[in-house]
N, C-alpha and C. Protein backbone atom coordinates (compact mmCIF):
# COMPACT_ATOMS: atom_id res chain seq x y z
N MET A 1 94.84 99.75 101.09
CA MET A 1 95.03 101.14 101.50
C MET A 1 96.49 101.32 101.99
N ASP A 2 97.10 102.41 101.60
CA ASP A 2 98.47 102.74 101.96
C ASP A 2 98.54 103.32 103.34
N LYS A 3 99.25 102.64 104.24
CA LYS A 3 99.34 103.12 105.64
C LYS A 3 100.03 104.43 105.79
N ASP A 4 100.76 104.88 104.72
CA ASP A 4 101.44 106.18 104.77
C ASP A 4 100.63 107.29 104.14
N ALA A 5 99.39 106.98 103.70
CA ALA A 5 98.53 108.01 103.12
C ALA A 5 98.26 109.11 104.14
N GLN A 6 98.17 110.35 103.66
CA GLN A 6 97.82 111.47 104.54
C GLN A 6 96.39 111.38 104.96
N ALA A 7 96.11 111.53 106.25
CA ALA A 7 94.75 111.43 106.80
C ALA A 7 94.55 112.45 107.90
N THR A 8 93.31 112.72 108.18
CA THR A 8 92.98 113.60 109.34
C THR A 8 91.92 112.90 110.21
N LEU A 9 92.06 113.12 111.51
CA LEU A 9 91.08 112.57 112.47
C LEU A 9 90.21 113.73 112.92
N HIS A 10 88.90 113.52 112.84
CA HIS A 10 87.91 114.55 113.20
C HIS A 10 87.02 114.11 114.31
N HIS A 11 86.58 115.11 115.09
CA HIS A 11 85.66 114.87 116.20
C HIS A 11 84.33 115.57 115.86
N ARG A 12 83.24 114.82 115.97
CA ARG A 12 81.92 115.34 115.64
C ARG A 12 81.01 115.10 116.85
N ARG A 13 80.44 116.13 117.31
CA ARG A 13 79.45 116.03 118.43
C ARG A 13 78.11 116.51 117.92
N MET A 14 77.07 115.93 118.50
CA MET A 14 75.70 116.34 118.13
C MET A 14 75.54 117.88 118.28
N GLY A 15 75.07 118.49 117.21
CA GLY A 15 74.79 119.92 117.26
C GLY A 15 76.00 120.85 117.22
N ARG A 16 77.16 120.27 116.96
CA ARG A 16 78.38 121.07 116.88
C ARG A 16 79.10 120.89 115.54
N VAL A 17 79.93 121.81 115.19
CA VAL A 17 80.71 121.71 113.94
C VAL A 17 81.82 120.70 114.14
N ASP A 18 82.11 119.96 113.05
CA ASP A 18 83.22 118.98 113.09
C ASP A 18 84.53 119.72 113.39
N LYS A 19 85.42 119.08 114.13
CA LYS A 19 86.68 119.68 114.45
C LYS A 19 87.79 118.67 114.14
N MET A 20 88.78 119.09 113.35
CA MET A 20 89.93 118.24 113.11
C MET A 20 90.78 118.22 114.35
N THR A 21 91.10 117.01 114.81
CA THR A 21 91.88 116.87 116.06
C THR A 21 93.33 116.50 115.78
N ALA A 22 93.59 115.88 114.65
CA ALA A 22 94.99 115.49 114.34
C ALA A 22 95.10 115.20 112.86
N ASP A 23 96.34 115.30 112.35
CA ASP A 23 96.61 114.89 110.96
C ASP A 23 97.98 114.20 110.93
N GLY A 24 98.12 113.39 109.88
CA GLY A 24 99.35 112.60 109.73
C GLY A 24 99.12 111.41 108.90
N ARG A 25 99.97 110.39 109.09
CA ARG A 25 99.86 109.13 108.33
C ARG A 25 98.59 108.36 108.73
N LEU A 26 97.98 107.70 107.80
CA LEU A 26 96.79 106.93 108.10
C LEU A 26 97.00 105.96 109.27
N GLU A 27 98.08 105.24 109.27
CA GLU A 27 98.35 104.28 110.36
C GLU A 27 98.33 104.97 111.73
N ASP A 28 98.90 106.15 111.80
CA ASP A 28 98.92 106.90 113.07
C ASP A 28 97.51 107.34 113.49
N MET A 29 96.68 107.77 112.53
CA MET A 29 95.36 108.23 112.80
C MET A 29 94.49 107.05 113.26
N VAL A 30 94.67 105.90 112.64
CA VAL A 30 93.93 104.69 113.05
C VAL A 30 94.30 104.29 114.49
N ARG A 31 95.59 104.35 114.80
CA ARG A 31 96.06 104.03 116.14
C ARG A 31 95.49 105.01 117.18
N ARG A 32 95.49 106.30 116.80
CA ARG A 32 94.95 107.29 117.70
C ARG A 32 93.46 107.07 117.95
N PHE A 33 92.73 106.72 116.87
CA PHE A 33 91.32 106.42 116.99
C PHE A 33 91.10 105.24 117.91
N ARG A 34 91.86 104.20 117.74
CA ARG A 34 91.72 102.97 118.54
C ARG A 34 92.12 103.17 119.97
N SER A 35 92.86 104.25 120.26
CA SER A 35 93.25 104.50 121.67
C SER A 35 92.14 105.19 122.46
N LEU A 36 91.11 105.69 121.73
CA LEU A 36 89.98 106.33 122.36
C LEU A 36 89.14 105.30 123.10
N ALA A 37 88.42 105.79 124.13
CA ALA A 37 87.49 104.89 124.82
C ALA A 37 86.38 104.46 123.86
N GLN A 38 85.90 103.24 124.00
CA GLN A 38 84.88 102.72 123.11
C GLN A 38 83.65 103.65 123.05
N SER A 39 83.31 104.22 124.17
CA SER A 39 82.12 105.09 124.22
C SER A 39 82.31 106.37 123.41
N LYS A 40 83.53 106.80 123.18
CA LYS A 40 83.85 108.04 122.44
C LYS A 40 84.00 107.81 120.94
N ARG A 41 84.33 106.61 120.53
CA ARG A 41 84.65 106.32 119.12
C ARG A 41 83.54 106.74 118.14
N PRO A 42 82.25 106.57 118.47
CA PRO A 42 81.23 106.96 117.51
C PRO A 42 81.24 108.46 117.17
N GLU A 43 81.93 109.26 117.94
CA GLU A 43 82.00 110.74 117.70
C GLU A 43 83.14 111.11 116.74
N TYR A 44 83.92 110.13 116.28
CA TYR A 44 85.11 110.39 115.50
C TYR A 44 85.03 109.78 114.09
N PHE A 45 85.76 110.37 113.16
CA PHE A 45 85.88 109.80 111.81
C PHE A 45 87.22 110.23 111.26
N ILE A 46 87.67 109.54 110.24
CA ILE A 46 88.91 109.81 109.53
C ILE A 46 88.57 110.22 108.11
N MET A 47 89.32 111.28 107.65
CA MET A 47 89.16 111.74 106.28
C MET A 47 90.50 111.43 105.56
N ILE A 48 90.33 110.84 104.34
CA ILE A 48 91.47 110.60 103.47
C ILE A 48 91.04 111.24 102.14
N GLY A 49 91.72 112.32 101.75
CA GLY A 49 91.25 113.02 100.55
C GLY A 49 89.87 113.53 100.84
N GLY A 50 88.92 113.24 99.95
CA GLY A 50 87.53 113.65 100.13
C GLY A 50 86.65 112.57 100.68
N THR A 51 87.23 111.44 101.13
CA THR A 51 86.46 110.32 101.63
C THR A 51 86.47 110.26 103.14
N SER A 52 85.32 110.05 103.70
CA SER A 52 85.15 109.98 105.15
C SER A 52 84.98 108.50 105.59
N TYR A 53 85.66 108.11 106.66
CA TYR A 53 85.57 106.77 107.21
C TYR A 53 85.09 106.82 108.62
N GLY A 54 83.91 106.24 108.88
CA GLY A 54 83.33 106.15 110.23
C GLY A 54 83.95 105.03 111.02
N PRO A 55 83.53 104.88 112.26
CA PRO A 55 84.10 103.90 113.15
C PRO A 55 84.20 102.46 112.59
N GLU A 56 83.13 101.98 111.99
CA GLU A 56 83.16 100.63 111.46
C GLU A 56 84.19 100.47 110.33
N LYS A 57 84.27 101.45 109.43
CA LYS A 57 85.24 101.44 108.35
C LYS A 57 86.65 101.57 108.91
N ILE A 58 86.84 102.37 109.97
CA ILE A 58 88.15 102.51 110.58
C ILE A 58 88.62 101.18 111.16
N GLU A 59 87.73 100.42 111.78
CA GLU A 59 88.06 99.11 112.31
C GLU A 59 88.46 98.16 111.16
N ASN A 60 87.78 98.25 110.01
CA ASN A 60 88.12 97.46 108.87
C ASN A 60 89.51 97.87 108.36
N LEU A 61 89.80 99.19 108.30
CA LEU A 61 91.14 99.62 107.94
C LEU A 61 92.21 99.10 108.87
N ALA A 62 91.92 99.10 110.16
CA ALA A 62 92.86 98.60 111.14
C ALA A 62 93.23 97.15 110.83
N ARG A 63 92.20 96.32 110.56
CA ARG A 63 92.49 94.93 110.24
C ARG A 63 93.29 94.79 108.93
N GLU A 64 92.92 95.60 107.94
CA GLU A 64 93.60 95.58 106.65
C GLU A 64 95.07 95.98 106.80
N LEU A 65 95.35 96.93 107.71
CA LEU A 65 96.70 97.40 107.91
C LEU A 65 97.49 96.58 108.91
N GLY A 66 96.78 95.60 109.55
CA GLY A 66 97.44 94.73 110.55
C GLY A 66 97.70 95.45 111.89
N ILE A 67 96.84 96.38 112.24
CA ILE A 67 96.96 97.11 113.52
C ILE A 67 96.15 96.37 114.55
N GLU A 68 96.79 95.95 115.60
CA GLU A 68 96.10 95.23 116.66
C GLU A 68 96.21 96.05 117.96
N ASP A 69 95.27 95.80 118.85
CA ASP A 69 95.34 96.47 120.18
C ASP A 69 96.46 95.91 121.01
């Protein structure tokens, strides 16, 4: 995956409409996701084009991109 790909970070809460919280490079969105509290991460996902990536896939992307805490 290209770390410079355009991506959006979304927040999803039970019973509410998804809300885009940020957009930019994939690497930046993964870093922003990883800066969230562990308890909040399940409420977020990243979109790249028409593909949605949940918390587990985002962690895999972080490893693939070499992003460490």
